[in-house]
Amino acid sequence: MTSDEGTVRRAEDLARKTEKARSRSMRLWAHAIEVAGQLADTEEAVAGTLRRLASQHPHDASLLRPKIKAAENNAAWTRRRMNDLQAKQPHPAER
């Protein structure tokens, strides 16, 4: 193998590794968006459950209100982060 052939082979190996890393990064990015959505959905479900508990147990409602608000805030924050990730998500054509 000549020096030029070795250089070409190393360049090809580097290109393959770069593409593999880019592909993995895109899959992880998409997974992070999916998980953020699931987390926001869960927080919203928790808030709904707490609201139902508060309506069924009015004497405990004052204790549940801060927890309801926290779950709603967490859901909104997570949803914003998910939207940020979606807006900045790289696309395969952006190379």
Protein backbone atom coordinates (compact mmCIF):
# COMPACT_ATOMS: atom_id res chain seq x y z
CA MET A 1 0.00 0.00 0.00
CA THR A 2 1.32 3.38 -0.94
CA SER A 3 1.24 6.41 1.29
CA ASP A 4 -1.54 7.91 -0.84
CA GLU A 5 -3.63 4.73 -0.52
CA GLY A 6 -3.20 4.80 3.24
CA THR A 7 -4.28 8.42 3.35
CA VAL A 8 -7.34 7.66 1.23
CA ARG A 9 -8.25 4.70 3.45
CA ARG A 10 -7.94 6.80 6.62
CA ALA A 11 -10.05 9.55 5.05
CA GLU A 12 -12.73 7.00 4.07
CA ASP A 13 -12.68 5.52 7.59
CA LEU A 14 -13.05 8.97 9.09
CA ALA A 15 -15.97 9.75 6.75
CA ARG A 16 -17.74 6.52 7.78
CA LYS A 17 -17.20 7.24 11.48
CA THR A 18 -18.45 10.79 11.02
CA GLU A 19 -21.62 9.58 9.29
CA LYS A 20 -22.19 6.95 11.98
CA ALA A 21 -21.83 9.58 14.74
CA ARG A 22 -24.15 11.98 12.90
CA SER A 23 -26.77 9.26 12.47
CA ARG A 24 -26.59 8.30 16.15
CA SER A 25 -26.83 11.95 17.16
CA MET A 26 -29.99 12.41 15.09
CA ARG A 27 -31.57 9.28 16.59
CA LEU A 28 -30.75 10.45 20.12
CA TRP A 29 -32.11 13.93 19.38
CA ALA A 30 -35.40 12.43 18.15
CA HIS A 31 -35.56 10.19 21.22
CA ALA A 32 -35.01 13.18 23.54
CA ILE A 33 -37.96 14.96 21.88
CA GLU A 34 -40.12 11.87 22.29
CA VAL A 35 -39.19 11.45 25.97
CA ALA A 36 -39.81 15.14 26.69
CA GLY A 37 -43.29 14.82 25.22
CA GLN A 38 -43.99 11.73 27.31
CA LEU A 39 -42.76 13.48 30.43
CA ALA A 40 -44.96 16.53 29.76
CA ASP A 41 -47.95 14.23 29.17
CA THR A 42 -47.25 12.51 32.50
CA GLU A 43 -46.99 15.81 34.37
CA GLU A 44 -50.29 16.92 32.84
CA ALA A 45 -51.89 13.63 33.89
CA VAL A 46 -50.56 14.11 37.44
CA ALA A 47 -52.04 17.62 37.54
CA GLY A 48 -55.38 16.24 36.35
CA THR A 49 -55.36 13.52 38.98
CA LEU A 50 -54.55 16.04 41.70
CA ARG A 51 -57.36 18.32 40.49
CA ARG A 52 -59.82 15.43 40.70
CA LEU A 53 -58.58 14.59 44.21
CA ALA A 54 -59.00 18.23 45.24
CA SER A 55 -62.57 18.28 43.93
CA GLN A 56 -63.39 15.01 45.71
CA HIS A 57 -61.75 16.09 48.98
CA PRO A 58 -62.40 19.81 49.41
CA HIS A 59 -60.87 19.83 52.90
CA ASP A 60 -57.51 18.81 51.34
CA ALA A 61 -57.77 21.09 48.30
CA SER A 62 -55.60 23.81 49.82
CA LEU A 63 -52.81 21.27 50.33
CA LEU A 64 -53.13 19.99 46.78
CA ARG A 65 -53.20 23.36 44.97
CA PRO A 66 -49.42 23.94 45.17
CA LYS A 67 -48.79 20.41 43.91
CA ILE A 68 -51.24 20.95 41.04
CA LYS A 69 -49.50 24.21 40.12
CA ALA A 70 -46.07 22.54 40.29
CA ALA A 71 -47.19 19.71 37.99
CA GLU A 72 -48.69 22.22 35.54
CA ASN A 73 -45.52 24.32 35.61
CA ASN A 74 -43.32 21.26 35.08
CA ALA A 75 -45.46 20.15 32.15
CA ALA A 76 -45.29 23.60 30.55
CA TRP A 77 -41.52 23.88 31.08
CA THR A 78 -40.93 20.42 29.60
CA ARG A 79 -43.20 21.18 26.66
CA ARG A 80 -41.20 24.36 25.95
CA ARG A 81 -37.93 22.40 26.06
CA MET A 82 -39.44 19.81 23.70
CA ASN A 83 -40.48 22.59 21.29
CA ASP A 84 -36.98 24.10 21.51
CA LEU A 85 -35.46 20.72 20.64
CA GLN A 86 -37.85 20.29 17.72
CA ALA A 87 -37.07 23.76 16.38
CA LYS A 88 -33.32 23.11 16.51
CA GLN A 89 -33.41 19.48 15.42
CA PRO A 90 -30.84 18.81 12.71
CA HIS A 91 -32.08 17.25 9.51
CA PRO A 92 -30.18 14.72 7.36
CA ALA A 93 -29.87 17.21 4.50
CA GLU A 94 -28.04 19.71 6.75
CA ARG A 95 -24.55 18.35 6.33
